[in-house]
Amino acid sequence: MKIRWLRVAVAGVLVEVALLAIAIPLNMTPPGRAVLLYSVIPLCIAGTLMGGWWAARSADGHCVIHGLLVGVVAGLIYGVLTWRIALPLAYIIGNYLKLAGGAAGGWLAQRVRVNGVPAS
């Protein structure tokens, strides 16, 4: 099994940068905090799904593992950035669901390949 570590790392970093680019401005205002509290879980899943798909679409195999690793990288980055901060439960759940989102993106990339549609 050959893991494309560079794609996994780049995708994980890009996912986390995109999520932080959305979260930081929203967190600056009281209405934005409420919006973020309700949107953090779908954003985490959608972000890692796209990142997992991107990383896995050119993998030679084990697409789900590639996607899962994207979720691991994104989750670890967020964990390092927030390890001393008390977070709402939704943020913690969203961080763990990055694993599921990344794996779903890898599964999607594998599914597209099986159906014969080029993943380009």
N, C-alpha and C. Protein backbone atom coordinates (compact mmCIF):
# COMPACT_ATOMS: atom_id res chain seq x y z
N MET A 1 0.85 -1.17 0.00
CA MET A 1 0.00 0.00 0.00
C MET A 1 0.89 1.24 0.00
N LYS A 2 0.64 2.11 -0.95
CA LYS A 2 1.41 3.34 -1.06
C LYS A 2 0.51 4.52 -0.73
N ILE A 3 0.80 5.17 0.37
CA ILE A 3 0.04 6.35 0.80
C ILE A 3 0.70 7.57 0.17
N ARG A 4 -0.10 8.42 -0.39
CA ARG A 4 0.40 9.69 -0.94
C ARG A 4 0.38 10.73 0.18
N TRP A 5 1.43 10.70 0.98
CA TRP A 5 1.50 11.50 2.19
C TRP A 5 1.47 12.99 1.91
N LEU A 6 2.10 13.42 0.83
CA LEU A 6 2.11 14.85 0.52
C LEU A 6 0.69 15.35 0.24
N ARG A 7 -0.07 14.59 -0.55
CA ARG A 7 -1.45 15.00 -0.83
C ARG A 7 -2.30 14.97 0.44
N VAL A 8 -2.08 13.97 1.27
CA VAL A 8 -2.82 13.87 2.53
C VAL A 8 -2.52 15.08 3.42
N ALA A 9 -1.23 15.41 3.54
CA ALA A 9 -0.84 16.54 4.40
C ALA A 9 -1.35 17.86 3.84
N VAL A 10 -1.20 18.07 2.54
CA VAL A 10 -1.67 19.32 1.93
C VAL A 10 -3.18 19.45 2.08
N ALA A 11 -3.90 18.37 1.82
CA ALA A 11 -5.36 18.42 1.95
C ALA A 11 -5.78 18.71 3.39
N GLY A 12 -5.14 18.06 4.35
CA GLY A 12 -5.47 18.30 5.76
C GLY A 12 -5.21 19.74 6.18
N VAL A 13 -4.08 20.28 5.74
CA VAL A 13 -3.76 21.68 6.07
C VAL A 13 -4.75 22.63 5.39
N LEU A 14 -5.06 22.39 4.12
CA LEU A 14 -6.00 23.26 3.41
C LEU A 14 -7.39 23.22 4.02
N VAL A 15 -7.83 22.05 4.44
CA VAL A 15 -9.13 21.92 5.10
C VAL A 15 -9.14 22.76 6.36
N GLU A 16 -8.12 22.63 7.16
CA GLU A 16 -8.08 23.37 8.43
C GLU A 16 -7.96 24.87 8.21
N VAL A 17 -7.18 25.28 7.23
CA VAL A 17 -7.07 26.72 6.91
C VAL A 17 -8.42 27.26 6.46
N ALA A 18 -9.12 26.52 5.62
CA ALA A 18 -10.43 26.97 5.15
C ALA A 18 -11.43 27.05 6.31
N LEU A 19 -11.42 26.05 7.18
CA LEU A 19 -12.34 26.08 8.32
C LEU A 19 -12.03 27.24 9.27
N LEU A 20 -10.76 27.49 9.50
CA LEU A 20 -10.39 28.61 10.36
C LEU A 20 -10.70 29.95 9.71
N ALA A 21 -10.57 30.01 8.38
CA ALA A 21 -10.90 31.25 7.67
C ALA A 21 -12.38 31.58 7.77
N ILE A 22 -13.20 30.57 7.94
CA ILE A 22 -14.63 30.78 8.14
C ILE A 22 -14.91 31.06 9.61
N ALA A 23 -14.29 30.31 10.50
CA ALA A 23 -14.62 30.37 11.92
C ALA A 23 -14.12 31.63 12.61
N ILE A 24 -12.93 32.09 12.29
CA ILE A 24 -12.37 33.23 13.02
C ILE A 24 -13.21 34.50 12.82
N PRO A 25 -13.57 34.88 11.59
CA PRO A 25 -14.41 36.08 11.46
C PRO A 25 -15.79 35.91 12.11
N LEU A 26 -16.37 34.72 11.99
CA LEU A 26 -17.67 34.49 12.62
C LEU A 26 -17.59 34.60 14.14
N ASN A 27 -16.49 34.19 14.70
CA ASN A 27 -16.33 34.19 16.14
C ASN A 27 -16.12 35.59 16.71
N MET A 28 -15.91 36.58 15.86
CA MET A 28 -15.65 37.94 16.32
C MET A 28 -16.92 38.69 16.75
N THR A 29 -18.08 38.20 16.36
CA THR A 29 -19.33 38.89 16.71
C THR A 29 -20.26 37.93 17.43
N PRO A 30 -21.09 38.45 18.34
CA PRO A 30 -22.04 37.56 19.04
C PRO A 30 -22.99 36.80 18.10
N PRO A 31 -23.58 37.44 17.07
CA PRO A 31 -24.43 36.64 16.19
C PRO A 31 -23.64 35.58 15.41
N GLY A 32 -22.41 35.91 15.08
CA GLY A 32 -21.57 34.96 14.37
C GLY A 32 -21.22 33.74 15.20
N ARG A 33 -21.06 33.95 16.49
CA ARG A 33 -20.77 32.82 17.39
C ARG A 33 -21.93 31.82 17.40
N ALA A 34 -23.14 32.34 17.42
CA ALA A 34 -24.31 31.45 17.40
C ALA A 34 -24.40 30.71 16.08
N VAL A 35 -24.15 31.41 14.98
CA VAL A 35 -24.16 30.77 13.67
C VAL A 35 -23.09 29.69 13.60
N LEU A 36 -21.92 30.00 14.10
CA LEU A 36 -20.81 29.05 14.08
C LEU A 36 -21.12 27.81 14.92
N LEU A 37 -21.76 28.00 16.04
CA LEU A 37 -22.09 26.88 16.91
C LEU A 37 -22.97 25.87 16.19
N TYR A 38 -23.89 26.36 15.37
CA TYR A 38 -24.79 25.45 14.64
C TYR A 38 -24.20 24.95 13.33
N SER A 39 -23.24 25.66 12.79
CA SER A 39 -22.72 25.27 11.48
C SER A 39 -21.37 24.55 11.54
N VAL A 40 -20.76 24.45 12.71
CA VAL A 40 -19.43 23.87 12.79
C VAL A 40 -19.43 22.39 12.39
N ILE A 41 -20.41 21.64 12.78
CA ILE A 41 -20.43 20.21 12.44
C ILE A 41 -20.57 19.99 10.94
N PRO A 42 -21.57 20.61 10.26
CA PRO A 42 -21.64 20.42 8.81
C PRO A 42 -20.41 20.95 8.08
N LEU A 43 -19.84 22.05 8.55
CA LEU A 43 -18.64 22.58 7.90
C LEU A 43 -17.46 21.62 8.02
N CYS A 44 -17.29 21.02 9.20
CA CYS A 44 -16.19 20.07 9.38
C CYS A 44 -16.36 18.85 8.48
N ILE A 45 -17.57 18.35 8.41
CA ILE A 45 -17.82 17.17 7.57
C ILE A 45 -17.62 17.51 6.10
N ALA A 46 -18.21 18.62 5.65
CA ALA A 46 -18.10 19.00 4.24
C ALA A 46 -16.65 19.31 3.85
N GLY A 47 -15.94 20.01 4.72
CA GLY A 47 -14.55 20.36 4.41
C GLY A 47 -13.66 19.14 4.26
N THR A 48 -13.76 18.23 5.21
CA THR A 48 -12.91 17.04 5.11
C THR A 48 -13.39 16.08 4.03
N LEU A 49 -14.68 16.10 3.71
CA LEU A 49 -15.16 15.28 2.59
C LEU A 49 -14.49 15.74 1.31
N MET A 50 -14.46 17.05 1.09
CA MET A 50 -13.81 17.58 -0.12
C MET A 50 -12.30 17.32 -0.11
N GLY A 51 -11.68 17.52 1.06
CA GLY A 51 -10.25 17.27 1.16
C GLY A 51 -9.91 15.80 0.99
N GLY A 52 -10.72 14.92 1.59
CA GLY A 52 -10.51 13.49 1.45
C GLY A 52 -10.68 13.02 0.01
N TRP A 53 -11.68 13.59 -0.66
CA TRP A 53 -11.90 13.25 -2.07
C TRP A 53 -10.70 13.69 -2.90
N TRP A 54 -10.21 14.91 -2.67
CA TRP A 54 -9.08 15.43 -3.44
C TRP A 54 -7.84 14.58 -3.23
N ALA A 55 -7.57 14.21 -2.00
CA ALA A 55 -6.37 13.42 -1.71
C ALA A 55 -6.47 12.01 -2.26
N ALA A 56 -7.68 11.43 -2.25
CA ALA A 56 -7.84 10.03 -2.63
C ALA A 56 -8.06 9.83 -4.12
N ARG A 57 -8.42 10.86 -4.84
CA ARG A 57 -8.79 10.65 -6.25
C ARG A 57 -7.62 10.22 -7.12
N SER A 58 -6.40 10.51 -6.72
CA SER A 58 -5.25 10.08 -7.52
C SER A 58 -4.47 8.95 -6.83
N ALA A 59 -5.02 8.42 -5.76
CA ALA A 59 -4.35 7.33 -5.05
C ALA A 59 -4.43 6.05 -5.86
N ASP A 60 -3.42 5.21 -5.70
CA ASP A 60 -3.39 3.94 -6.42
C ASP A 60 -4.36 2.92 -5.82
N GLY A 61 -4.77 3.13 -4.63
CA GLY A 61 -5.69 2.24 -3.94
C GLY A 61 -5.89 2.74 -2.52
N HIS A 62 -6.72 2.05 -1.79
CA HIS A 62 -6.99 2.40 -0.40
C HIS A 62 -7.45 3.85 -0.27
N CYS A 63 -8.42 4.20 -1.09
CA CYS A 63 -8.92 5.58 -1.13
C CYS A 63 -9.52 6.01 0.20
N VAL A 64 -10.24 5.10 0.86
CA VAL A 64 -10.88 5.45 2.13
C VAL A 64 -9.82 5.79 3.18
N ILE A 65 -8.72 5.06 3.17
CA ILE A 65 -7.65 5.34 4.12
C ILE A 65 -7.02 6.70 3.84
N HIS A 66 -6.85 7.04 2.58
CA HIS A 66 -6.34 8.37 2.23
C HIS A 66 -7.25 9.46 2.79
N GLY A 67 -8.55 9.30 2.58
CA GLY A 67 -9.50 10.28 3.09
C GLY A 67 -9.50 10.35 4.60
N LEU A 68 -9.46 9.19 5.24
CA LEU A 68 -9.42 9.14 6.69
C LEU A 68 -8.19 9.85 7.23
N LEU A 69 -7.06 9.67 6.57
CA LEU A 69 -5.84 10.34 7.01
C LEU A 69 -5.92 11.85 6.87
N VAL A 70 -6.66 12.32 5.87
CA VAL A 70 -6.89 13.77 5.75
C VAL A 70 -7.64 14.27 6.98
N GLY A 71 -8.66 13.51 7.40
CA GLY A 71 -9.38 13.87 8.62
C GLY A 71 -8.50 13.84 9.85
N VAL A 72 -7.58 12.88 9.90
CA VAL A 72 -6.66 12.79 11.03
C VAL A 72 -5.74 14.01 11.06
N VAL A 73 -5.19 14.38 9.91
CA VAL A 73 -4.29 15.54 9.85
C VAL A 73 -5.03 16.81 10.26
N ALA A 74 -6.22 17.02 9.70
CA ALA A 74 -7.00 18.21 10.04
C ALA A 74 -7.36 18.22 11.52
N GLY A 75 -7.76 17.08 12.04
CA GLY A 75 -8.11 16.98 13.46
C GLY A 75 -6.92 17.24 14.37
N LEU A 76 -5.76 16.72 14.00
CA LEU A 76 -4.56 16.95 14.81
C LEU A 76 -4.15 18.42 14.80
N ILE A 77 -4.25 19.04 13.64
CA ILE A 77 -3.91 20.47 13.57
C ILE A 77 -4.83 21.27 14.49
N TYR A 78 -6.13 20.99 14.42
CA TYR A 78 -7.08 21.70 15.28
C TYR A 78 -6.83 21.39 16.75
N GLY A 79 -6.49 20.15 17.04
CA GLY A 79 -6.20 19.77 18.42
C GLY A 79 -4.98 20.50 18.97
N VAL A 80 -3.95 20.64 18.15
CA VAL A 80 -2.74 21.35 18.58
C VAL A 80 -3.06 22.83 18.81
N LEU A 81 -3.88 23.42 17.94
CA LEU A 81 -4.20 24.84 18.07
C LEU A 81 -5.09 25.14 19.27
N THR A 82 -5.89 24.17 19.70
CA THR A 82 -6.89 24.45 20.73
C THR A 82 -6.75 23.58 21.98
N TRP A 83 -5.64 22.94 22.20
CA TRP A 83 -5.53 21.95 23.27
C TRP A 83 -5.67 22.55 24.65
N ARG A 84 -5.46 23.84 24.82
CA ARG A 84 -5.58 24.44 26.15
C ARG A 84 -6.82 25.32 26.27
N ILE A 85 -7.73 25.23 25.32
CA ILE A 85 -8.92 26.07 25.31
C ILE A 85 -10.14 25.20 25.60
N ALA A 86 -11.01 25.68 26.46
CA ALA A 86 -12.28 24.98 26.70
C ALA A 86 -13.20 25.26 25.52
N LEU A 87 -13.63 24.21 24.86
CA LEU A 87 -14.44 24.33 23.65
C LEU A 87 -15.86 23.84 23.89
N PRO A 88 -16.81 24.41 23.15
CA PRO A 88 -18.17 23.86 23.21
C PRO A 88 -18.20 22.43 22.67
N LEU A 89 -19.15 21.66 23.12
CA LEU A 89 -19.25 20.26 22.71
C LEU A 89 -19.39 20.12 21.19
N ALA A 90 -20.08 21.04 20.55
CA ALA A 90 -20.25 20.96 19.09
C ALA A 90 -18.90 21.02 18.37
N TYR A 91 -17.96 21.80 18.88
CA TYR A 91 -16.64 21.89 18.26
C TYR A 91 -15.88 20.57 18.41
N ILE A 92 -16.01 19.96 19.55
CA ILE A 92 -15.32 18.68 19.79
C ILE A 92 -15.91 17.59 18.91
N ILE A 93 -17.23 17.55 18.83
CA ILE A 93 -17.90 16.57 17.97
C ILE A 93 -17.51 16.80 16.51
N GLY A 94 -17.51 18.06 16.09
CA GLY A 94 -17.11 18.39 14.72
C GLY A 94 -15.70 17.94 14.40
N ASN A 95 -14.81 18.09 15.38
CA ASN A 95 -13.43 17.67 15.16
C ASN A 95 -13.34 16.16 14.96
N TYR A 96 -14.07 15.39 15.74
CA TYR A 96 -14.06 13.94 15.56
C TYR A 96 -14.75 13.53 14.26
N LEU A 97 -15.76 14.28 13.86
CA LEU A 97 -16.46 13.94 12.62
C LEU A 97 -15.64 14.26 11.37
N LYS A 98 -14.53 14.96 11.54
CA LYS A 98 -13.61 15.16 10.42
C LYS A 98 -13.11 13.81 9.90
N LEU A 99 -12.97 12.85 10.79
CA LEU A 99 -12.54 11.51 10.38
C LEU A 99 -13.58 10.89 9.44
N ALA A 100 -14.84 11.00 9.82
CA ALA A 100 -15.92 10.43 8.99
C ALA A 100 -16.03 11.17 7.67
N GLY A 101 -15.90 12.49 7.70
CA GLY A 101 -15.98 13.27 6.47
C GLY A 101 -14.85 12.92 5.51
N GLY A 102 -13.64 12.80 6.03
CA GLY A 102 -12.50 12.43 5.18
C GLY A 102 -12.66 11.04 4.60
N ALA A 103 -13.10 10.09 5.43
CA ALA A 103 -13.32 8.73 4.94
C ALA A 103 -14.42 8.71 3.88
N ALA A 104 -15.46 9.50 4.07
CA ALA A 104 -16.53 9.57 3.07
C ALA A 104 -16.01 10.16 1.75
N GLY A 105 -15.12 11.14 1.84
CA GLY A 105 -14.51 11.68 0.62
C GLY A 105 -13.67 10.65 -0.09
N GLY A 106 -12.92 9.85 0.66
CA GLY A 106 -12.14 8.77 0.05
C GLY A 106 -13.03 7.72 -0.58
N TRP A 107 -14.12 7.40 0.11
CA TRP A 107 -15.08 6.43 -0.43
C TRP A 107 -15.68 6.96 -1.73
N LEU A 108 -15.99 8.25 -1.75
CA LEU A 108 -16.56 8.86 -2.96
C LEU A 108 -15.57 8.79 -4.12
N ALA A 109 -14.31 9.07 -3.85
CA ALA A 109 -13.29 8.98 -4.90
C ALA A 109 -13.16 7.56 -5.41
N GLN A 110 -13.22 6.59 -4.51
CA GLN A 110 -13.15 5.18 -4.91
C GLN A 110 -14.38 4.80 -5.72
N ARG A 111 -15.53 5.27 -5.32
CA ARG A 111 -16.79 4.95 -6.00
C ARG A 111 -16.78 5.51 -7.42
N VAL A 112 -16.27 6.72 -7.58
CA VAL A 112 -16.19 7.32 -8.91
C VAL A 112 -15.26 6.50 -9.79
N ARG A 113 -14.15 6.04 -9.23
CA ARG A 113 -13.20 5.23 -10.00
C ARG A 113 -13.80 3.89 -10.40
N VAL A 114 -14.55 3.25 -9.51
CA VAL A 114 -15.15 1.95 -9.79
C VAL A 114 -16.17 2.07 -10.91
N ASN A 115 -16.91 3.15 -10.94
CA ASN A 115 -17.94 3.33 -11.96
C ASN A 115 -17.35 3.76 -13.30
N GLY A 116 -16.05 3.90 -13.38
CA GLY A 116 -15.40 4.19 -14.65
C GLY A 116 -15.37 5.65 -15.02
N VAL A 117 -15.81 6.49 -14.16
CA VAL A 117 -15.77 7.92 -14.44
C VAL A 117 -14.38 8.42 -14.06
N PRO A 118 -13.70 9.08 -14.98
CA PRO A 118 -12.36 9.55 -14.62
C PRO A 118 -12.41 10.58 -13.51
N ALA A 119 -11.50 10.46 -12.56
CA ALA A 119 -11.49 11.37 -11.41
C ALA A 119 -10.71 12.64 -11.70
N SER A 120 -9.96 12.67 -12.79
CA SER A 120 -9.09 13.79 -13.19
C SER A 120 -8.50 14.45 -12.01
